[in-house]
């Protein structure tokens, strides 16, 4: 578990989460300066405001991740691109992400069409 504001104002080059991390609380990475995050393969949801005002450039999102909460990545000035398997994107998930140019959502059609 990663608790609320656990990484607030932290300057870290790369953070690699152990696959034993199943839960991230709201604002866990808000206002952090972590350049690269490799997520636990066990994470299924990013809660509201998890990365609000974060300075993370690279998010290595796991295939199991299916939900971005309300304002999840809001006000991230350095985020340029997101590739994900997510099924639900909460309101304002990318609000005020000035440099965001590309969101690529990969669908798993084998599970949904056949």
Protein backbone atom coordinates (compact mmCIF):
# COMPACT_ATOMS: atom_id res chain seq x y z
CA UNK A 1 0.00 0.00 0.00
CA UNK A 2 1.19 3.53 -0.75
CA UNK A 3 -0.43 6.12 1.48
CA UNK A 4 -1.71 9.65 0.82
CA UNK A 5 1.07 12.17 0.08
CA UNK A 6 3.74 9.50 0.62
CA UNK A 7 5.92 11.00 -2.12
CA UNK A 8 4.91 14.67 -1.88
CA UNK A 9 7.88 16.93 -2.73
CA UNK A 10 10.19 13.94 -3.23
CA UNK A 11 12.90 14.14 -5.93
CA UNK A 12 13.57 10.65 -7.29
CA UNK A 13 14.93 9.61 -10.69
CA UNK A 14 13.26 6.17 -10.97
CA UNK A 15 10.76 4.46 -8.69
CA UNK A 16 10.11 0.73 -9.18
CA UNK A 17 7.13 -0.62 -7.25
CA UNK A 18 7.24 -4.19 -6.00
CA UNK A 19 4.47 -6.40 -7.37
CA UNK A 20 3.23 -6.80 -3.79
CA UNK A 21 1.84 -3.22 -3.95
CA UNK A 22 -1.88 -3.55 -4.64
CA UNK A 23 -3.27 -0.21 -3.49
CA UNK A 24 -2.36 3.45 -4.00
CA UNK A 25 -4.20 6.07 -1.95
CA UNK A 26 -5.43 9.44 -3.22
CA UNK A 27 -2.67 12.04 -3.73
CA UNK A 28 0.05 9.45 -3.04
CA UNK A 29 2.33 11.03 -5.67
CA UNK A 30 0.78 14.51 -5.80
CA UNK A 31 3.35 17.28 -6.17
CA UNK A 32 6.19 14.77 -6.46
CA UNK A 33 9.20 15.01 -8.75
CA UNK A 34 9.74 11.41 -9.85
CA UNK A 35 11.05 11.22 -13.39
CA UNK A 36 10.13 7.59 -14.16
CA UNK A 37 7.68 5.24 -12.42
CA UNK A 38 7.46 1.50 -13.03
CA UNK A 39 4.20 0.32 -11.52
CA UNK A 40 3.43 -2.87 -9.69
CA UNK A 41 1.76 -5.39 -12.00
CA UNK A 42 -0.87 -5.74 -9.27
CA UNK A 43 -2.23 -2.18 -9.46
CA UNK A 44 -5.75 -2.09 -10.95
CA UNK A 45 -6.74 1.51 -10.16
CA UNK A 46 -5.11 4.92 -9.83
CA UNK A 47 -7.24 6.93 -7.40
CA UNK A 48 -8.35 10.55 -7.57
CA UNK A 49 -5.54 13.09 -7.75
CA UNK A 50 -2.89 10.35 -7.43
CA UNK A 51 -0.46 12.35 -9.61
CA UNK A 52 -1.87 15.88 -9.38
CA UNK A 53 0.88 18.42 -10.08
CA UNK A 54 3.46 15.64 -10.35
CA UNK A 55 6.50 16.15 -12.56
CA UNK A 56 6.65 12.56 -13.79
CA UNK A 57 7.66 12.22 -17.44
CA UNK A 58 7.35 8.46 -17.93
CA UNK A 59 4.62 6.19 -16.57
CA UNK A 60 5.13 2.48 -17.24
CA UNK A 61 1.50 1.44 -16.71
CA UNK A 62 0.64 -2.23 -16.16
CA UNK A 63 -1.85 -4.09 -18.31
CA UNK A 64 -4.00 -4.86 -15.24
CA UNK A 65 -4.58 -1.14 -14.60
CA UNK A 66 -8.20 -0.48 -15.61
CA UNK A 67 -9.23 2.79 -13.95
CA UNK A 68 -7.94 6.37 -13.74
CA UNK A 69 -9.67 8.27 -10.93
CA UNK A 70 -10.99 11.84 -10.96
CA UNK A 71 -8.19 14.32 -11.70
CA UNK A 72 -5.64 11.51 -11.58
CA UNK A 73 -2.93 13.23 -13.66
CA UNK A 74 -4.28 16.80 -13.47
CA UNK A 75 -1.91 19.75 -13.72
CA UNK A 76 1.07 17.61 -14.78
CA UNK A 77 3.09 20.06 -16.89
CA UNK A 78 5.65 17.55 -18.22
CA UNK A 79 3.36 14.67 -19.24
CA UNK A 80 3.40 14.33 -23.05
CA UNK A 81 2.04 10.87 -23.82
CA UNK A 82 0.13 8.04 -22.14
CA UNK A 83 -0.29 4.46 -23.36
CA UNK A 84 -2.63 2.31 -21.30
CA UNK A 85 -5.08 -0.59 -21.22
CA UNK A 86 -7.42 1.42 -18.98
CA UNK A 87 -11.20 0.96 -19.33
CA UNK A 88 -12.43 3.93 -17.27
CA UNK A 89 -11.04 7.46 -17.28
CA UNK A 90 -12.43 9.68 -14.53
CA UNK A 91 -13.54 13.27 -15.06
CA UNK A 92 -10.70 15.76 -15.40
CA UNK A 93 -8.12 12.95 -15.33
CA UNK A 94 -5.84 15.03 -17.58
CA UNK A 95 -7.10 18.51 -16.69
CA UNK A 96 -4.56 21.28 -17.34
CA UNK A 97 -1.90 18.90 -18.70
CA UNK A 98 -0.56 21.59 -21.04
CA UNK A 99 1.96 19.40 -22.87
CA UNK A 100 -0.13 16.24 -23.25
CA UNK A 101 -0.35 15.45 -26.96
CA UNK A 102 -1.22 11.75 -27.13
CA UNK A 103 -3.37 9.26 -25.19
CA UNK A 104 -3.30 5.73 -26.59
CA UNK A 105 -5.81 3.26 -25.13
CA UNK A 106 -5.17 -0.36 -26.08
CA UNK A 107 -8.27 -2.53 -26.11
CA UNK A 108 -8.20 -6.21 -25.33
CA UNK A 109 -10.68 -7.30 -27.97
CA UNK A 110 -10.24 -11.00 -27.32
CA UNK A 111 -11.97 -10.62 -23.96
CA UNK A 112 -14.77 -8.40 -25.21
CA UNK A 113 -15.63 -9.50 -28.75
CA UNK A 114 -15.46 -13.28 -28.80
